[in-house]
N, C-alpha and C. Protein backbone atom coordinates (compact mmCIF):
# COMPACT_ATOMS: atom_id res chain seq x y z
N MET A 1 -8.62 -8.60 22.50
CA MET A 1 -8.37 -9.71 21.61
C MET A 1 -9.14 -9.51 20.31
N GLU A 2 -8.44 -9.63 19.21
CA GLU A 2 -9.08 -9.46 17.92
C GLU A 2 -9.89 -10.70 17.57
N SER A 3 -11.11 -10.47 17.15
CA SER A 3 -11.90 -11.61 16.68
C SER A 3 -12.09 -11.47 15.18
N ASN A 4 -11.92 -12.57 14.49
CA ASN A 4 -12.09 -12.56 13.05
C ASN A 4 -13.53 -12.81 12.69
N GLN A 5 -13.91 -12.23 11.60
CA GLN A 5 -15.25 -12.46 11.07
C GLN A 5 -15.12 -12.86 9.62
N ASN A 6 -16.05 -13.64 9.16
CA ASN A 6 -16.04 -14.07 7.77
C ASN A 6 -16.76 -13.04 6.92
N ILE A 7 -16.11 -12.65 5.83
CA ILE A 7 -16.74 -11.72 4.91
C ILE A 7 -16.69 -12.33 3.51
N LYS A 8 -17.56 -11.84 2.65
CA LYS A 8 -17.60 -12.31 1.27
C LYS A 8 -17.30 -11.12 0.37
N LEU A 9 -16.34 -11.32 -0.53
CA LEU A 9 -15.98 -10.29 -1.50
C LEU A 9 -16.15 -10.86 -2.90
N THR A 10 -16.43 -10.00 -3.84
CA THR A 10 -16.47 -10.42 -5.22
C THR A 10 -15.38 -9.67 -5.96
N ILE A 11 -14.48 -10.45 -6.56
CA ILE A 11 -13.36 -9.87 -7.31
C ILE A 11 -13.40 -10.47 -8.71
N ALA A 12 -13.47 -9.60 -9.69
CA ALA A 12 -13.55 -10.01 -11.10
C ALA A 12 -14.70 -10.98 -11.32
N GLY A 13 -15.81 -10.74 -10.65
CA GLY A 13 -17.00 -11.55 -10.83
C GLY A 13 -17.00 -12.88 -10.08
N ARG A 14 -15.95 -13.14 -9.32
CA ARG A 14 -15.87 -14.40 -8.57
C ARG A 14 -15.96 -14.11 -7.08
N PRO A 15 -16.78 -14.90 -6.38
CA PRO A 15 -16.91 -14.68 -4.93
C PRO A 15 -15.74 -15.30 -4.16
N TYR A 16 -15.31 -14.59 -3.13
CA TYR A 16 -14.26 -15.07 -2.25
C TYR A 16 -14.69 -14.84 -0.81
N ARG A 17 -14.49 -15.83 0.01
CA ARG A 17 -14.76 -15.70 1.44
C ARG A 17 -13.42 -15.63 2.15
N MET A 18 -13.37 -14.77 3.15
CA MET A 18 -12.15 -14.70 3.93
C MET A 18 -12.46 -14.25 5.35
N ALA A 19 -11.56 -14.59 6.25
CA ALA A 19 -11.69 -14.19 7.64
C ALA A 19 -10.77 -13.00 7.87
N VAL A 20 -11.34 -11.92 8.38
CA VAL A 20 -10.56 -10.72 8.69
C VAL A 20 -10.99 -10.19 10.04
N SER A 21 -10.10 -9.44 10.66
CA SER A 21 -10.47 -8.80 11.92
C SER A 21 -11.41 -7.63 11.62
N ARG A 22 -12.14 -7.22 12.60
CA ARG A 22 -13.06 -6.08 12.42
C ARG A 22 -12.29 -4.83 12.00
N GLU A 23 -11.07 -4.69 12.53
CA GLU A 23 -10.26 -3.51 12.21
C GLU A 23 -9.81 -3.53 10.75
N GLU A 24 -9.64 -4.70 10.16
CA GLU A 24 -9.17 -4.82 8.78
C GLU A 24 -10.31 -4.81 7.76
N GLU A 25 -11.51 -5.04 8.19
CA GLU A 25 -12.60 -5.23 7.24
C GLU A 25 -12.76 -4.07 6.28
N GLU A 26 -12.79 -2.86 6.77
CA GLU A 26 -12.99 -1.70 5.90
C GLU A 26 -11.87 -1.59 4.87
N THR A 27 -10.65 -1.81 5.30
CA THR A 27 -9.51 -1.73 4.38
C THR A 27 -9.58 -2.82 3.32
N VAL A 28 -9.94 -4.03 3.71
CA VAL A 28 -10.03 -5.14 2.76
C VAL A 28 -11.16 -4.88 1.76
N ARG A 29 -12.28 -4.40 2.24
CA ARG A 29 -13.40 -4.10 1.32
C ARG A 29 -13.03 -2.98 0.35
N LYS A 30 -12.34 -1.96 0.85
CA LYS A 30 -11.92 -0.87 -0.02
C LYS A 30 -10.91 -1.38 -1.06
N ALA A 31 -9.99 -2.24 -0.63
CA ALA A 31 -9.02 -2.82 -1.56
C ALA A 31 -9.73 -3.61 -2.65
N SER A 32 -10.76 -4.34 -2.28
CA SER A 32 -11.54 -5.11 -3.24
C SER A 32 -12.20 -4.19 -4.26
N GLU A 33 -12.76 -3.07 -3.81
CA GLU A 33 -13.39 -2.11 -4.71
C GLU A 33 -12.37 -1.51 -5.68
N VAL A 34 -11.21 -1.12 -5.14
CA VAL A 34 -10.16 -0.54 -5.98
C VAL A 34 -9.69 -1.57 -7.00
N LEU A 35 -9.52 -2.80 -6.58
CA LEU A 35 -9.08 -3.86 -7.49
C LEU A 35 -10.10 -4.07 -8.60
N ASN A 36 -11.37 -4.13 -8.26
CA ASN A 36 -12.41 -4.32 -9.29
C ASN A 36 -12.43 -3.16 -10.28
N LYS A 37 -12.27 -1.92 -9.80
CA LYS A 37 -12.23 -0.77 -10.69
C LYS A 37 -11.00 -0.83 -11.59
N THR A 38 -9.88 -1.24 -11.03
CA THR A 38 -8.65 -1.35 -11.82
C THR A 38 -8.78 -2.44 -12.88
N ILE A 39 -9.42 -3.54 -12.54
CA ILE A 39 -9.64 -4.61 -13.52
C ILE A 39 -10.47 -4.09 -14.68
N ILE A 40 -11.52 -3.34 -14.39
CA ILE A 40 -12.37 -2.77 -15.45
C ILE A 40 -11.56 -1.80 -16.30
N GLU A 41 -10.79 -0.91 -15.65
CA GLU A 41 -9.97 0.06 -16.40
C GLU A 41 -8.97 -0.65 -17.31
N TYR A 42 -8.28 -1.64 -16.77
CA TYR A 42 -7.29 -2.36 -17.57
C TYR A 42 -7.95 -3.13 -18.71
N SER A 43 -9.09 -3.73 -18.44
CA SER A 43 -9.75 -4.51 -19.49
C SER A 43 -10.23 -3.61 -20.62
N ASN A 44 -10.53 -2.36 -20.32
CA ASN A 44 -10.94 -1.41 -21.35
C ASN A 44 -9.76 -0.77 -22.07
N SER A 45 -8.59 -0.78 -21.45
CA SER A 45 -7.44 -0.07 -22.00
C SER A 45 -6.41 -0.94 -22.69
N PHE A 46 -6.34 -2.22 -22.33
CA PHE A 46 -5.28 -3.07 -22.84
C PHE A 46 -5.84 -4.31 -23.53
N GLU A 47 -5.07 -4.81 -24.46
CA GLU A 47 -5.41 -6.09 -25.07
C GLU A 47 -4.94 -7.19 -24.13
N TYR A 48 -5.77 -8.19 -23.98
CA TYR A 48 -5.40 -9.31 -23.11
C TYR A 48 -6.08 -10.57 -23.59
N LYS A 49 -5.45 -11.70 -23.28
CA LYS A 49 -6.00 -12.99 -23.70
C LYS A 49 -6.98 -13.53 -22.67
N ASP A 50 -6.63 -13.37 -21.41
CA ASP A 50 -7.53 -13.84 -20.35
C ASP A 50 -7.29 -13.02 -19.09
N SER A 51 -8.06 -13.29 -18.07
CA SER A 51 -7.97 -12.53 -16.82
C SER A 51 -6.59 -12.60 -16.21
N GLN A 52 -5.87 -13.69 -16.43
CA GLN A 52 -4.52 -13.84 -15.87
C GLN A 52 -3.62 -12.68 -16.32
N ASP A 53 -3.76 -12.26 -17.57
CA ASP A 53 -2.96 -11.14 -18.08
C ASP A 53 -3.28 -9.87 -17.31
N LEU A 54 -4.56 -9.61 -17.07
CA LEU A 54 -4.95 -8.43 -16.31
C LEU A 54 -4.40 -8.48 -14.90
N PHE A 55 -4.54 -9.64 -14.26
CA PHE A 55 -4.05 -9.77 -12.88
C PHE A 55 -2.54 -9.58 -12.81
N ALA A 56 -1.82 -10.10 -13.81
CA ALA A 56 -0.36 -9.94 -13.82
C ALA A 56 0.01 -8.46 -13.96
N MET A 57 -0.67 -7.73 -14.84
CA MET A 57 -0.37 -6.30 -15.02
C MET A 57 -0.72 -5.51 -13.77
N ILE A 58 -1.83 -5.84 -13.14
CA ILE A 58 -2.23 -5.14 -11.91
C ILE A 58 -1.26 -5.46 -10.78
N ALA A 59 -0.84 -6.71 -10.68
CA ALA A 59 0.12 -7.08 -9.64
C ALA A 59 1.44 -6.33 -9.85
N LEU A 60 1.89 -6.26 -11.08
CA LEU A 60 3.13 -5.55 -11.39
C LEU A 60 3.02 -4.08 -11.01
N GLN A 61 1.91 -3.46 -11.37
CA GLN A 61 1.71 -2.05 -11.04
C GLN A 61 1.68 -1.86 -9.52
N SER A 62 1.01 -2.74 -8.81
CA SER A 62 0.91 -2.63 -7.36
C SER A 62 2.26 -2.78 -6.68
N VAL A 63 3.03 -3.76 -7.13
CA VAL A 63 4.35 -3.98 -6.53
C VAL A 63 5.27 -2.80 -6.87
N ALA A 64 5.22 -2.31 -8.09
CA ALA A 64 6.05 -1.16 -8.46
C ALA A 64 5.69 0.06 -7.62
N ASN A 65 4.40 0.30 -7.41
CA ASN A 65 3.97 1.41 -6.55
C ASN A 65 4.44 1.22 -5.11
N SER A 66 4.36 -0.01 -4.63
CA SER A 66 4.80 -0.31 -3.27
C SER A 66 6.30 -0.04 -3.11
N ILE A 67 7.09 -0.46 -4.09
CA ILE A 67 8.53 -0.23 -4.05
C ILE A 67 8.83 1.26 -4.10
N ARG A 68 8.14 1.99 -4.97
CA ARG A 68 8.33 3.44 -5.08
C ARG A 68 8.02 4.13 -3.76
N LEU A 69 6.91 3.75 -3.14
CA LEU A 69 6.53 4.36 -1.87
C LEU A 69 7.53 4.03 -0.77
N GLU A 70 8.04 2.81 -0.76
CA GLU A 70 9.04 2.41 0.23
C GLU A 70 10.33 3.20 0.02
N ASP A 71 10.73 3.39 -1.24
CA ASP A 71 11.92 4.18 -1.54
C ASP A 71 11.73 5.63 -1.08
N GLU A 72 10.56 6.20 -1.35
CA GLU A 72 10.28 7.57 -0.92
C GLU A 72 10.32 7.67 0.60
N LYS A 73 9.73 6.70 1.27
CA LYS A 73 9.72 6.71 2.73
C LYS A 73 11.13 6.61 3.28
N SER A 74 11.93 5.73 2.70
CA SER A 74 13.31 5.55 3.14
C SER A 74 14.10 6.85 2.95
N TYR A 75 13.92 7.49 1.80
CA TYR A 75 14.60 8.75 1.52
C TYR A 75 14.18 9.81 2.54
N LYS A 76 12.88 9.93 2.78
CA LYS A 76 12.39 10.93 3.73
C LYS A 76 12.87 10.64 5.14
N ASP A 77 12.92 9.35 5.52
CA ASP A 77 13.43 8.98 6.84
C ASP A 77 14.89 9.39 6.99
N LYS A 78 15.70 9.13 5.95
CA LYS A 78 17.12 9.51 5.99
C LYS A 78 17.28 11.02 6.04
N GLU A 79 16.46 11.73 5.26
CA GLU A 79 16.51 13.19 5.25
C GLU A 79 16.13 13.75 6.61
N LEU A 80 15.09 13.19 7.21
CA LEU A 80 14.66 13.63 8.54
C LEU A 80 15.74 13.35 9.58
N GLU A 81 16.33 12.16 9.51
CA GLU A 81 17.39 11.81 10.45
C GLU A 81 18.57 12.77 10.33
N SER A 82 18.93 13.11 9.10
CA SER A 82 20.03 14.04 8.87
C SER A 82 19.72 15.41 9.46
N LYS A 83 18.51 15.91 9.26
CA LYS A 83 18.13 17.22 9.80
C LYS A 83 18.10 17.19 11.32
N LEU A 84 17.59 16.10 11.89
CA LEU A 84 17.55 16.00 13.35
C LEU A 84 18.95 15.94 13.94
N LEU A 85 19.87 15.24 13.27
CA LEU A 85 21.25 15.20 13.74
C LEU A 85 21.88 16.59 13.67
N GLY A 86 21.55 17.35 12.63
CA GLY A 86 22.04 18.72 12.52
C GLY A 86 21.52 19.59 13.65
N ILE A 87 20.24 19.46 13.95
CA ILE A 87 19.65 20.22 15.06
C ILE A 87 20.29 19.80 16.37
N ASP A 88 20.50 18.50 16.56
CA ASP A 88 21.13 18.01 17.78
C ASP A 88 22.53 18.60 17.94
N THR A 89 23.29 18.63 16.85
CA THR A 89 24.64 19.19 16.88
C THR A 89 24.61 20.67 17.28
N LEU A 90 23.66 21.41 16.69
CA LEU A 90 23.53 22.83 17.04
C LEU A 90 23.16 23.01 18.52
N LEU A 91 22.25 22.19 19.00
CA LEU A 91 21.84 22.30 20.41
C LEU A 91 22.99 21.96 21.35
N VAL A 92 23.71 20.90 21.05
CA VAL A 92 24.86 20.51 21.88
C VAL A 92 25.90 21.62 21.87
N SER A 93 26.16 22.16 20.70
CA SER A 93 27.12 23.25 20.58
C SER A 93 26.68 24.45 21.42
N HIS A 94 25.42 24.79 21.34
CA HIS A 94 24.87 25.93 22.09
C HIS A 94 24.95 25.67 23.59
N ILE A 95 24.61 24.48 24.01
CA ILE A 95 24.63 24.13 25.44
C ILE A 95 26.06 24.18 25.97
N GLU A 96 27.03 23.72 25.18
CA GLU A 96 28.42 23.73 25.62
C GLU A 96 28.97 25.13 25.81
N LYS A 97 28.41 26.10 25.08
CA LYS A 97 28.85 27.51 25.20
C LYS A 97 28.31 28.16 26.46
N ILE A 98 27.25 27.59 27.01
CA ILE A 98 26.61 28.19 28.20
C ILE A 98 27.39 27.89 29.44
């Protein structure tokens, strides 16, 4: 049974408390670090009026990356399925000749 623990993260200088499972803690902390680094990079690279602009740009980049990765995964899954079907056809053909 997963037990949740309360952790404290600081994102863009603001503290956040959240409950996460022990298995998720490392991933959530790493995500927080990456987010903070990205906020710093964006704030140094782009003009913005307030933090909301930075968060919107980071969210857009994250969603676009997620969609790209999902598309790549889908393509690779279809490619793998096609190759496996080809191998299956060859094996069936070979077995039928025996």
